[in-house]
Amino acid sequence: YDRNRKLLYETLTKLGFQCVKPEGAFYMVCKLPVEDANEFLVWMLEEFDDNGETVMAAPADGFYATKGLGKNEIRIAYVLESDKLKRAIEVLGKGLEAYGRRQK
């Protein structure tokens, strides 16, 4: 899991995500360049795929006690095999690019 944590953190931060590197959890919270992470995640599941694949993550706002916090954040579990995790990150990045083009 340490290898996956490093892989996820390093790859996402290189892509411009703002992430907090976990110290003992199996998930990471990342800020996305979107206003509403839940809306983005629903769009990913319903309207986006890359070669028949998409990704699923949890909107992070449900993990905060303060209303409004985490609205543009997601929670990603890094329990997949490393190759699958790399592919998930790739698909997430492509999804964000497509979502951004859709917004313009």
PDB file of N, CA and C in Angstrom:
ATOM      1  N   TYR A   1       0.817  -1.194   0.000  1.00  0.00           N
ATOM      2  CA  TYR A   1       0.000   0.000   0.000  1.00  0.00           C
ATOM      3  C   TYR A   1       0.862   1.260   0.000  1.00  0.00           C
ATOM      4  N   ASP A   2       2.039   1.182   0.608  1.00  0.00           N
ATOM      5  CA  ASP A   2       2.928   2.340   0.613  1.00  0.00           C
ATOM      6  C   ASP A   2       3.327   2.702  -0.812  1.00  0.00           C
ATOM      7  N   ARG A   3       3.614   1.704  -1.631  1.00  0.00           N
ATOM      8  CA  ARG A   3       3.968   1.952  -3.033  1.00  0.00           C
ATOM      9  C   ARG A   3       2.803   2.624  -3.763  1.00  0.00           C
ATOM     10  N   ASN A   4       1.594   2.151  -3.533  1.00  0.00           N
ATOM     11  CA  ASN A   4       0.417   2.738  -4.166  1.00  0.00           C
ATOM     12  C   ASN A   4       0.181   4.168  -3.681  1.00  0.00           C
ATOM     13  N   ARG A   5       0.381   4.396  -2.402  1.00  0.00           N
ATOM     14  CA  ARG A   5       0.212   5.743  -1.837  1.00  0.00           C
ATOM     15  C   ARG A   5       1.182   6.706  -2.514  1.00  0.00           C
ATOM     16  N   LYS A   6       2.435   6.302  -2.620  1.00  0.00           N
ATOM     17  CA  LYS A   6       3.443   7.146  -3.268  1.00  0.00           C
ATOM     18  C   LYS A   6       3.095   7.372  -4.736  1.00  0.00           C
ATOM     19  N   LEU A   7       2.705   6.310  -5.427  1.00  0.00           N
ATOM     20  CA  LEU A   7       2.335   6.407  -6.836  1.00  0.00           C
ATOM     21  C   LEU A   7       1.192   7.394  -7.023  1.00  0.00           C
ATOM     22  N   LEU A   8       0.136   7.239  -6.246  1.00  0.00           N
ATOM     23  CA  LEU A   8      -1.034   8.098  -6.378  1.00  0.00           C
ATOM     24  C   LEU A   8      -0.686   9.545  -6.062  1.00  0.00           C
ATOM     25  N   TYR A   9      -0.013   9.767  -4.956  1.00  0.00           N
ATOM     26  CA  TYR A   9       0.331  11.131  -4.545  1.00  0.00           C
ATOM     27  C   TYR A   9       1.238  11.807  -5.578  1.00  0.00           C
ATOM     28  N   GLU A  10       2.296  11.144  -5.970  1.00  0.00           N
ATOM     29  CA  GLU A  10       3.249  11.747  -6.904  1.00  0.00           C
ATOM     30  C   GLU A  10       2.615  12.008  -8.270  1.00  0.00           C
ATOM     31  N   THR A  11       1.837  11.071  -8.765  1.00  0.00           N
ATOM     32  CA  THR A  11       1.223  11.238 -10.080  1.00  0.00           C
ATOM     33  C   THR A  11       0.174  12.344 -10.065  1.00  0.00           C
ATOM     34  N   LEU A  12      -0.676  12.355  -9.056  1.00  0.00           N
ATOM     35  CA  LEU A  12      -1.720  13.373  -9.007  1.00  0.00           C
ATOM     36  C   LEU A  12      -1.152  14.773  -8.793  1.00  0.00           C
ATOM     37  N   THR A  13      -0.136  14.913  -7.959  1.00  0.00           N
ATOM     38  CA  THR A  13       0.442  16.239  -7.755  1.00  0.00           C
ATOM     39  C   THR A  13       1.160  16.720  -9.019  1.00  0.00           C
ATOM     40  N   LYS A  14       1.772  15.811  -9.775  1.00  0.00           N
ATOM     41  CA  LYS A  14       2.384  16.200 -11.055  1.00  0.00           C
ATOM     42  C   LYS A  14       1.337  16.675 -12.050  1.00  0.00           C
ATOM     43  N   LEU A  15       0.132  16.124 -11.942  1.00  0.00           N
ATOM     44  CA  LEU A  15      -0.957  16.532 -12.818  1.00  0.00           C
ATOM     45  C   LEU A  15      -1.614  17.832 -12.353  1.00  0.00           C
ATOM     46  N   GLY A  16      -1.175  18.375 -11.215  1.00  0.00           N
ATOM     47  CA  GLY A  16      -1.706  19.634 -10.721  1.00  0.00           C
ATOM     48  C   GLY A  16      -2.780  19.524  -9.653  1.00  0.00           C
ATOM     49  N   PHE A  17      -3.059  18.315  -9.193  1.00  0.00           N
ATOM     50  CA  PHE A  17      -4.041  18.130  -8.128  1.00  0.00           C
ATOM     51  C   PHE A  17      -3.442  18.597  -6.807  1.00  0.00           C
ATOM     52  N   GLN A  18      -4.265  19.111  -5.943  1.00  0.00           N
ATOM     53  CA  GLN A  18      -3.838  19.432  -4.586  1.00  0.00           C
ATOM     54  C   GLN A  18      -4.299  18.290  -3.693  1.00  0.00           C
ATOM     55  N   CYS A  19      -3.342  17.546  -3.147  1.00  0.00           N
ATOM     56  CA  CYS A  19      -3.658  16.364  -2.353  1.00  0.00           C
ATOM     57  C   CYS A  19      -2.935  16.420  -1.011  1.00  0.00           C
ATOM     58  N   VAL A  20      -3.560  15.822  -0.035  1.00  0.00           N
ATOM     59  CA  VAL A  20      -2.920  15.642   1.261  1.00  0.00           C
ATOM     60  C   VAL A  20      -2.396  14.217   1.291  1.00  0.00           C
ATOM     61  N   LYS A  21      -1.090  14.066   1.521  1.00  0.00           N
ATOM     62  CA  LYS A  21      -0.500  12.732   1.543  1.00  0.00           C
ATOM     63  C   LYS A  21      -0.882  12.035   2.847  1.00  0.00           C
ATOM     64  N   PRO A  22      -1.621  10.935   2.768  1.00  0.00           N
ATOM     65  CA  PRO A  22      -2.048  10.250   3.979  1.00  0.00           C
ATOM     66  C   PRO A  22      -0.875   9.605   4.711  1.00  0.00           C
ATOM     67  N   GLU A  23      -1.025   9.519   6.009  1.00  0.00           N
ATOM     68  CA  GLU A  23       0.021   8.905   6.819  1.00  0.00           C
ATOM     69  C   GLU A  23      -0.348   7.513   7.292  1.00  0.00           C
ATOM     70  N   GLY A  24      -1.620   7.152   7.230  1.00  0.00           N
ATOM     71  CA  GLY A  24      -1.982   5.830   7.716  1.00  0.00           C
ATOM     72  C   GLY A  24      -3.272   5.290   7.130  1.00  0.00           C
ATOM     73  N   ALA A  25      -3.875   6.006   6.208  1.00  0.00           N
ATOM     74  CA  ALA A  25      -5.149   5.578   5.634  1.00  0.00           C
ATOM     75  C   ALA A  25      -4.919   4.883   4.289  1.00  0.00           C
ATOM     76  N   PHE A  26      -5.974   4.301   3.751  1.00  0.00           N
ATOM     77  CA  PHE A  26      -5.923   3.657   2.443  1.00  0.00           C
ATOM     78  C   PHE A  26      -6.637   4.507   1.398  1.00  0.00           C
ATOM     79  N   TYR A  27      -6.767   5.779   1.670  1.00  0.00           N
ATOM     80  CA  TYR A  27      -7.426   6.691   0.742  1.00  0.00           C
ATOM     81  C   TYR A  27      -6.745   8.052   0.810  1.00  0.00           C
ATOM     82  N   MET A  28      -6.985   8.853  -0.236  1.00  0.00           N
ATOM     83  CA  MET A  28      -6.395  10.174  -0.332  1.00  0.00           C
ATOM     84  C   MET A  28      -7.499  11.150  -0.740  1.00  0.00           C
ATOM     85  N   VAL A  29      -7.481  12.333  -0.156  1.00  0.00           N
ATOM     86  CA  VAL A  29      -8.424  13.379  -0.529  1.00  0.00           C
ATOM     87  C   VAL A  29      -7.697  14.364  -1.428  1.00  0.00           C
ATOM     88  N   CYS A  30      -8.305  14.667  -2.583  1.00  0.00           N
ATOM     89  CA  CYS A  30      -7.696  15.560  -3.570  1.00  0.00           C
ATOM     90  C   CYS A  30      -8.686  16.616  -4.023  1.00  0.00           C
ATOM     91  N   LYS A  31      -8.176  17.818  -4.150  1.00  0.00           N
ATOM     92  CA  LYS A  31      -8.979  18.925  -4.666  1.00  0.00           C
ATOM     93  C   LYS A  31      -8.912  18.887  -6.182  1.00  0.00           C
ATOM     94  N   LEU A  32     -10.075  18.989  -6.816  1.00  0.00           N
ATOM     95  CA  LEU A  32     -10.168  18.970  -8.269  1.00  0.00           C
ATOM     96  C   LEU A  32     -10.394  20.377  -8.804  1.00  0.00           C
ATOM     97  N   PRO A  33     -10.029  20.612 -10.056  1.00  0.00           N
ATOM     98  CA  PRO A  33     -10.282  21.922 -10.659  1.00  0.00           C
ATOM     99  C   PRO A  33     -11.716  22.024 -11.190  1.00  0.00           C
ATOM    100  N   VAL A  34     -12.672  21.700 -10.323  1.00  0.00           N
ATOM    101  CA  VAL A  34     -14.098  21.789 -10.657  1.00  0.00           C
ATOM    102  C   VAL A  34     -14.811  22.450  -9.481  1.00  0.00           C
ATOM    103  N   GLU A  35     -15.993  22.974  -9.739  1.00  0.00           N
ATOM    104  CA  GLU A  35     -16.766  23.582  -8.652  1.00  0.00           C
ATOM    105  C   GLU A  35     -17.482  22.539  -7.801  1.00  0.00           C
ATOM    106  N   ASP A  36     -17.954  21.489  -8.446  1.00  0.00           N
ATOM    107  CA  ASP A  36     -18.775  20.490  -7.753  1.00  0.00           C
ATOM    108  C   ASP A  36     -18.275  19.091  -8.101  1.00  0.00           C
ATOM    109  N   ALA A  37     -17.566  18.471  -7.175  1.00  0.00           N
ATOM    110  CA  ALA A  37     -16.995  17.147  -7.417  1.00  0.00           C
ATOM    111  C   ALA A  37     -18.078  16.096  -7.637  1.00  0.00           C
ATOM    112  N   ASN A  38     -19.179  16.202  -6.925  1.00  0.00           N
ATOM    113  CA  ASN A  38     -20.251  15.220  -7.086  1.00  0.00           C
ATOM    114  C   ASN A  38     -20.809  15.268  -8.507  1.00  0.00           C
ATOM    115  N   GLU A  39     -21.026  16.468  -9.018  1.00  0.00           N
ATOM    116  CA  GLU A  39     -21.508  16.623 -10.390  1.00  0.00           C
ATOM    117  C   GLU A  39     -20.512  16.019 -11.380  1.00  0.00           C
ATOM    118  N   PHE A  40     -19.224  16.283 -11.159  1.00  0.00           N
ATOM    119  CA  PHE A  40     -18.187  15.727 -12.027  1.00  0.00           C
ATOM    120  C   PHE A  40     -18.188  14.200 -11.971  1.00  0.00           C
ATOM    121  N   LEU A  41     -18.280  13.631 -10.774  1.00  0.00           N
ATOM    122  CA  LEU A  41     -18.231  12.173 -10.634  1.00  0.00           C
ATOM    123  C   LEU A  41     -19.435  11.498 -11.281  1.00  0.00           C
ATOM    124  N   VAL A  42     -20.605  12.111 -11.165  1.00  0.00           N
ATOM    125  CA  VAL A  42     -21.797  11.564 -11.837  1.00  0.00           C
ATOM    126  C   VAL A  42     -21.590  11.615 -13.348  1.00  0.00           C
ATOM    127  N   TRP A  43     -21.053  12.732 -13.839  1.00  0.00           N
ATOM    128  CA  TRP A  43     -20.772  12.851 -15.270  1.00  0.00           C
ATOM    129  C   TRP A  43     -19.794  11.765 -15.710  1.00  0.00           C
ATOM    130  N   MET A  44     -18.749  11.524 -14.906  1.00  0.00           N
ATOM    131  CA  MET A  44     -17.775  10.479 -15.245  1.00  0.00           C
ATOM    132  C   MET A  44     -18.469   9.129 -15.412  1.00  0.00           C
ATOM    133  N   LEU A  45     -19.363   8.808 -14.496  1.00  0.00           N
ATOM    134  CA  LEU A  45     -20.027   7.502 -14.540  1.00  0.00           C
ATOM    135  C   LEU A  45     -21.062   7.393 -15.656  1.00  0.00           C
ATOM    136  N   GLU A  46     -21.747   8.480 -15.929  1.00  0.00           N
ATOM    137  CA  GLU A  46     -22.838   8.417 -16.898  1.00  0.00           C
ATOM    138  C   GLU A  46     -22.441   8.774 -18.328  1.00  0.00           C
ATOM    139  N   GLU A  47     -21.428   9.633 -18.486  1.00  0.00           N
ATOM    140  CA  GLU A  47     -21.172  10.175 -19.814  1.00  0.00           C
ATOM    141  C   GLU A  47     -19.738  10.018 -20.331  1.00  0.00           C
ATOM    142  N   PHE A  48     -18.807   9.594 -19.500  1.00  0.00           N
ATOM    143  CA  PHE A  48     -17.421   9.544 -19.946  1.00  0.00           C
ATOM    144  C   PHE A  48     -16.857   8.136 -19.866  1.00  0.00           C
ATOM    145  N   ASP A  49     -16.074   7.785 -20.888  1.00  0.00           N
ATOM    146  CA  ASP A  49     -15.261   6.575 -20.809  1.00  0.00           C
ATOM    147  C   ASP A  49     -14.059   6.750 -21.720  1.00  0.00           C
ATOM    148  N   ASP A  50     -13.023   6.027 -21.425  1.00  0.00           N
ATOM    149  CA  ASP A  50     -11.828   5.976 -22.251  1.00  0.00           C
ATOM    150  C   ASP A  50     -11.600   4.508 -22.573  1.00  0.00           C
ATOM    151  N   ASN A  51     -11.846   4.152 -23.826  1.00  0.00           N
ATOM    152  CA  ASN A  51     -11.765   2.752 -24.247  1.00  0.00           C
ATOM    153  C   ASN A  51     -12.648   1.846 -23.394  1.00  0.00           C
ATOM    154  N   GLY A  52     -13.847   2.339 -23.089  1.00  0.00           N
ATOM    155  CA  GLY A  52     -14.816   1.557 -22.332  1.00  0.00           C
ATOM    156  C   GLY A  52     -14.611   1.552 -20.830  1.00  0.00           C
ATOM    157  N   GLU A  53     -13.659   2.360 -20.327  1.00  0.00           N
ATOM    158  CA  GLU A  53     -13.375   2.391 -18.890  1.00  0.00           C
ATOM    159  C   GLU A  53     -13.621   3.780 -18.316  1.00  0.00           C
ATOM    160  N   THR A  54     -14.059   3.816 -17.087  1.00  0.00           N
ATOM    161  CA  THR A  54     -14.192   5.064 -16.341  1.00  0.00           C
ATOM    162  C   THR A  54     -13.742   4.794 -14.916  1.00  0.00           C
ATOM    163  N   VAL A  55     -13.803   5.793 -14.068  1.00  0.00           N
ATOM    164  CA  VAL A  55     -13.414   5.602 -12.673  1.00  0.00           C
ATOM    165  C   VAL A  55     -14.520   6.096 -11.750  1.00  0.00           C
ATOM    166  N   MET A  56     -14.486   5.573 -10.553  1.00  0.00           N
ATOM    167  CA  MET A  56     -15.454   5.963  -9.546  1.00  0.00           C
ATOM    168  C   MET A  56     -14.690   6.358  -8.291  1.00  0.00           C
ATOM    169  N   ALA A  57     -15.073   7.479  -7.713  1.00  0.00           N
ATOM    170  CA  ALA A  57     -14.489   7.950  -6.457  1.00  0.00           C
ATOM    171  C   ALA A  57     -15.628   8.497  -5.614  1.00  0.00           C
ATOM    172  N   ALA A  58     -15.337   8.809  -4.391  1.00  0.00           N
ATOM    173  CA  ALA A  58     -16.355   9.364  -3.497  1.00  0.00           C
ATOM    174  C   ALA A  58     -16.194  10.869  -3.397  1.00  0.00           C
ATOM    175  N   PRO A  59     -17.298  11.629  -3.495  1.00  0.00           N
ATOM    176  CA  PRO A  59     -17.197  13.055  -3.228  1.00  0.00           C
ATOM    177  C   PRO A  59     -16.808  13.242  -1.761  1.00  0.00           C
ATOM    178  N   ALA A  60     -15.889  14.153  -1.501  1.00  0.00           N
ATOM    179  CA  ALA A  60     -15.346  14.284  -0.145  1.00  0.00           C
ATOM    180  C   ALA A  60     -16.215  15.118   0.792  1.00  0.00           C
ATOM    181  N   ASP A  61     -17.196  15.825   0.267  1.00  0.00           N
ATOM    182  CA  ASP A  61     -17.966  16.698   1.149  1.00  0.00           C
ATOM    183  C   ASP A  61     -18.698  15.930   2.249  1.00  0.00           C
ATOM    184  N   GLY A  62     -19.027  14.687   1.998  1.00  0.00           N
ATOM    185  CA  GLY A  62     -19.703  13.874   3.016  1.00  0.00           C
ATOM    186  C   GLY A  62     -18.806  13.467   4.172  1.00  0.00           C
ATOM    187  N   PHE A  63     -17.508  13.715   4.061  1.00  0.00           N
ATOM    188  CA  PHE A  63     -16.567  13.364   5.115  1.00  0.00           C
ATOM    189  C   PHE A  63     -16.223  14.560   6.005  1.00  0.00           C
ATOM    190  N   TYR A  64     -16.855  15.703   5.739  1.00  0.00           N
ATOM    191  CA  TYR A  64     -16.628  16.909   6.539  1.00  0.00           C
ATOM    192  C   TYR A  64     -17.860  17.203   7.388  1.00  0.00           C
ATOM    193  N   ALA A  65     -17.638  17.702   8.593  1.00  0.00           N
ATOM    194  CA  ALA A  65     -18.745  18.102   9.455  1.00  0.00           C
ATOM    195  C   ALA A  65     -19.245  19.498   9.094  1.00  0.00           C
ATOM    196  N   THR A  66     -18.371  20.328   8.535  1.00  0.00           N
ATOM    197  CA  THR A  66     -18.724  21.700   8.187  1.00  0.00           C
ATOM    198  C   THR A  66     -19.317  21.745   6.783  1.00  0.00           C
ATOM    199  N   LYS A  67     -20.534  22.253   6.686  1.00  0.00           N
ATOM    200  CA  LYS A  67     -21.219  22.337   5.401  1.00  0.00           C
ATOM    201  C   LYS A  67     -20.406  23.198   4.436  1.00  0.00           C
ATOM    202  N   GLY A  68     -20.284  22.717   3.196  1.00  0.00           N
ATOM    203  CA  GLY A  68     -19.568  23.453   2.162  1.00  0.00           C
ATOM    204  C   GLY A  68     -18.123  23.027   1.975  1.00  0.00           C
ATOM    205  N   LEU A  69     -17.517  22.432   3.000  1.00  0.00           N
ATOM    206  CA  LEU A  69     -16.140  21.965   2.844  1.00  0.00           C
ATOM    207  C   LEU A  69     -16.110  20.694   2.000  1.00  0.00           C
ATOM    208  N   GLY A  70     -15.102  20.577   1.174  1.00  0.00           N
ATOM    209  CA  GLY A  70     -14.929  19.383   0.363  1.00  0.00           C
ATOM    210  C   GLY A  70     -15.772  19.330  -0.893  1.00  0.00           C
ATOM    211  N   LYS A  71     -16.474  20.403  -1.204  1.00  0.00           N
ATOM    212  CA  LYS A  71     -17.375  20.398  -2.368  1.00  0.00           C
ATOM    213  C   LYS A  71     -16.628  20.117  -3.674  1.00  0.00           C
ATOM    214  N   ASN A  72     -15.370  20.534  -3.753  1.00  0.00           N
ATOM    215  CA  ASN A  72     -14.603  20.304  -4.980  1.00  0.00           C
ATOM    216  C   ASN A  72     -13.488  19.274  -4.754  1.00  0.00           C
ATOM    217  N   GLU A  73     -13.703  18.377  -3.800  1.00  0.00           N
ATOM    218  CA  GLU A  73     -12.710  17.352  -3.481  1.00  0.00           C
ATOM    219  C   GLU A  73     -13.293  15.952  -3.649  1.00  0.00           C
ATOM    220  N   ILE A  74     -12.401  15.001  -3.924  1.00  0.00           N
ATOM    221  CA  ILE A  74     -12.804  13.601  -3.985  1.00  0.00           C
ATOM    222  C   ILE A  74     -11.924  12.781  -3.057  1.00  0.00           C
ATOM    223  N   ARG A  75     -12.432  11.640  -2.681  1.00  0.00           N
ATOM    224  CA  ARG A  75     -11.697  10.695  -1.845  1.00  0.00           C
ATOM    225  C   ARG A  75     -11.425   9.463  -2.702  1.00  0.00           C
ATOM    226  N   ILE A  76     -10.146   9.144  -2.860  1.00  0.00           N
ATOM    227  CA  ILE A  76      -9.731   8.032  -3.711  1.00  0.00           C
ATOM    228  C   ILE A  76      -9.086   6.950  -2.853  1.00  0.00           C
ATOM    229  N   ALA A  77      -9.602   5.738  -2.943  1.00  0.00           N
ATOM    230  CA  ALA A  77      -8.974   4.604  -2.261  1.00  0.00           C
ATOM    231  C   ALA A  77      -7.860   4.075  -3.157  1.00  0.00           C
ATOM    232  N   TYR A  78      -6.741   3.716  -2.554  1.00  0.00           N
ATOM    233  CA  TYR A  78      -5.625   3.196  -3.361  1.00  0.00           C
ATOM    234  C   TYR A  78      -5.327   1.747  -3.008  1.00  0.00           C
ATOM    235  N   VAL A  79      -6.359   0.944  -3.086  1.00  0.00           N
ATOM    236  CA  VAL A  79      -6.235  -0.476  -2.749  1.00  0.00           C
ATOM    237  C   VAL A  79      -6.127  -1.366  -3.988  1.00  0.00           C
ATOM    238  N   LEU A  80      -6.177  -0.762  -5.162  1.00  0.00           N
ATOM    239  CA  LEU A  80      -6.050  -1.535  -6.401  1.00  0.00           C
ATOM    240  C   LEU A  80      -4.613  -1.980  -6.627  1.00  0.00           C
ATOM    241  N   GLU A  81      -4.437  -2.935  -7.523  1.00  0.00           N
ATOM    242  CA  GLU A  81      -3.095  -3.303  -7.971  1.00  0.00           C
ATOM    243  C   GLU A  81      -2.493  -2.080  -8.649  1.00  0.00           C
ATOM    244  N   SER A  82      -1.172  -1.941  -8.582  1.00  0.00           N
ATOM    245  CA  SER A  82      -0.494  -0.749  -9.098  1.00  0.00           C
ATOM    246  C   SER A  82      -0.834  -0.443 -10.554  1.00  0.00           C
ATOM    247  N   ASP A  83      -0.864  -1.448 -11.406  1.00  0.00           N
ATOM    248  CA  ASP A  83      -1.179  -1.207 -12.817  1.00  0.00           C
ATOM    249  C   ASP A  83      -2.594  -0.668 -12.994  1.00  0.00           C
ATOM    250  N   LYS A  84      -3.522  -1.199 -12.229  1.00  0.00           N
ATOM    251  CA  LYS A  84      -4.903  -0.721 -12.310  1.00  0.00           C
ATOM    252  C   LYS A  84      -5.019   0.680 -11.751  1.00  0.00           C
ATOM    253  N   LEU A  85      -4.257   0.988 -10.714  1.00  0.00           N
ATOM    254  CA  LEU A  85      -4.254   2.322 -10.138  1.00  0.00           C
ATOM    255  C   LEU A  85      -3.701   3.338 -11.137  1.00  0.00           C
ATOM    256  N   LYS A  86      -2.621   2.970 -11.828  1.00  0.00           N
ATOM    257  CA  LYS A  86      -2.057   3.852 -12.865  1.00  0.00           C
ATOM    258  C   LYS A  86      -3.097   4.134 -13.941  1.00  0.00           C
ATOM    259  N   ARG A  87      -3.797   3.101 -14.364  1.00  0.00           N
ATOM    260  CA  ARG A  87      -4.822   3.280 -15.401  1.00  0.00           C
ATOM    261  C   ARG A  87      -5.958   4.153 -14.886  1.00  0.00           C
ATOM    262  N   ALA A  88      -6.366   3.976 -13.641  1.00  0.00           N
ATOM    263  CA  ALA A  88      -7.433   4.793 -13.070  1.00  0.00           C
ATOM    264  C   ALA A  88      -7.037   6.269 -13.046  1.00  0.00           C
ATOM    265  N   ILE A  89      -5.789   6.550 -12.694  1.00  0.00           N
ATOM    266  CA  ILE A  89      -5.307   7.926 -12.677  1.00  0.00           C
ATOM    267  C   ILE A  89      -5.329   8.503 -14.097  1.00  0.00           C
ATOM    268  N   GLU A  90      -4.903   7.699 -15.062  1.00  0.00           N
ATOM    269  CA  GLU A  90      -4.919   8.139 -16.458  1.00  0.00           C
ATOM    270  C   GLU A  90      -6.339   8.485 -16.904  1.00  0.00           C
ATOM    271  N   VAL A  91      -7.285   7.616 -16.593  1.00  0.00           N
ATOM    272  CA  VAL A  91      -8.677   7.837 -16.983  1.00  0.00           C
ATOM    273  C   VAL A  91      -9.234   9.058 -16.270  1.00  0.00           C
ATOM    274  N   LEU A  92      -8.916   9.226 -15.000  1.00  0.00           N
ATOM    275  CA  LEU A  92      -9.370  10.400 -14.255  1.00  0.00           C
ATOM    276  C   LEU A  92      -8.851  11.681 -14.905  1.00  0.00           C
ATOM    277  N   GLY A  93      -7.578  11.701 -15.261  1.00  0.00           N
ATOM    278  CA  GLY A  93      -6.993  12.865 -15.917  1.00  0.00           C
ATOM    279  C   GLY A  93      -7.669  13.175 -17.242  1.00  0.00           C
ATOM    280  N   LYS A  94      -7.901  12.144 -18.046  1.00  0.00           N
ATOM    281  CA  LYS A  94      -8.585  12.342 -19.325  1.00  0.00           C
ATOM    282  C   LYS A  94     -10.015  12.825 -19.115  1.00  0.00           C
ATOM    283  N   GLY A  95     -10.654  12.306 -18.085  1.00  0.00           N
ATOM    284  CA  GLY A  95     -12.014  12.746 -17.768  1.00  0.00           C
ATOM    285  C   GLY A  95     -12.053  14.214 -17.383  1.00  0.00           C
ATOM    286  N   LEU A  96     -11.094  14.645 -16.580  1.00  0.00           N
ATOM    287  CA  LEU A  96     -11.045  16.056 -16.195  1.00  0.00           C
ATOM    288  C   LEU A  96     -10.810  16.957 -17.406  1.00  0.00           C
ATOM    289  N   GLU A  97      -9.949  16.528 -18.310  1.00  0.00           N
ATOM    290  CA  GLU A  97      -9.715  17.308 -19.537  1.00  0.00           C
ATOM    291  C   GLU A  97     -11.012  17.444 -20.336  1.00  0.00           C
ATOM    292  N   ALA A  98     -11.699  16.345 -20.544  1.00  0.00           N
ATOM    293  CA  ALA A  98     -12.945  16.353 -21.311  1.00  0.00           C
ATOM    294  C   ALA A  98     -14.019  17.170 -20.595  1.00  0.00           C
ATOM    295  N   TYR A  99     -14.096  17.065 -19.302  1.00  0.00           N
ATOM    296  CA  TYR A  99     -15.076  17.815 -18.515  1.00  0.00           C
ATOM    297  C   TYR A  99     -14.797  19.307 -18.628  1.00  0.00           C
ATOM    298  N   GLY A 100     -13.541  19.689 -18.576  1.00  0.00           N
ATOM    299  CA  GLY A 100     -13.170  21.094 -18.711  1.00  0.00           C
ATOM    300  C   GLY A 100     -13.539  21.646 -20.074  1.00  0.00           C
ATOM    301  N   ARG A 101     -13.331  20.862 -21.128  1.00  0.00           N
ATOM    302  CA  ARG A 101     -13.709  21.296 -22.476  1.00  0.00           C
ATOM    303  C   ARG A 101     -15.217  21.438 -22.586  1.00  0.00           C
ATOM    304  N   ARG A 102     -15.932  20.577 -21.918  1.00  0.00           N
ATOM    305  CA  ARG A 102     -17.399  20.602 -21.938  1.00  0.00           C
ATOM    306  C   ARG A 102     -17.934  21.858 -21.259  1.00  0.00           C
ATOM    307  N   GLN A 103     -17.222  22.321 -20.226  1.00  0.00           N
ATOM    308  CA  GLN A 103     -17.656  23.486 -19.458  1.00  0.00           C
ATOM    309  C   GLN A 103     -17.496  24.798 -20.234  1.00  0.00           C
ATOM    310  N   LYS A 104     -16.620  24.812 -21.233  1.00  0.00           N
ATOM    311  CA  LYS A 104     -16.318  26.064 -21.953  1.00  0.00           C
ATOM    312  C   LYS A 104     -17.307  26.335 -23.052  1.00  0.00           C
TER     313      LYS A 104
END
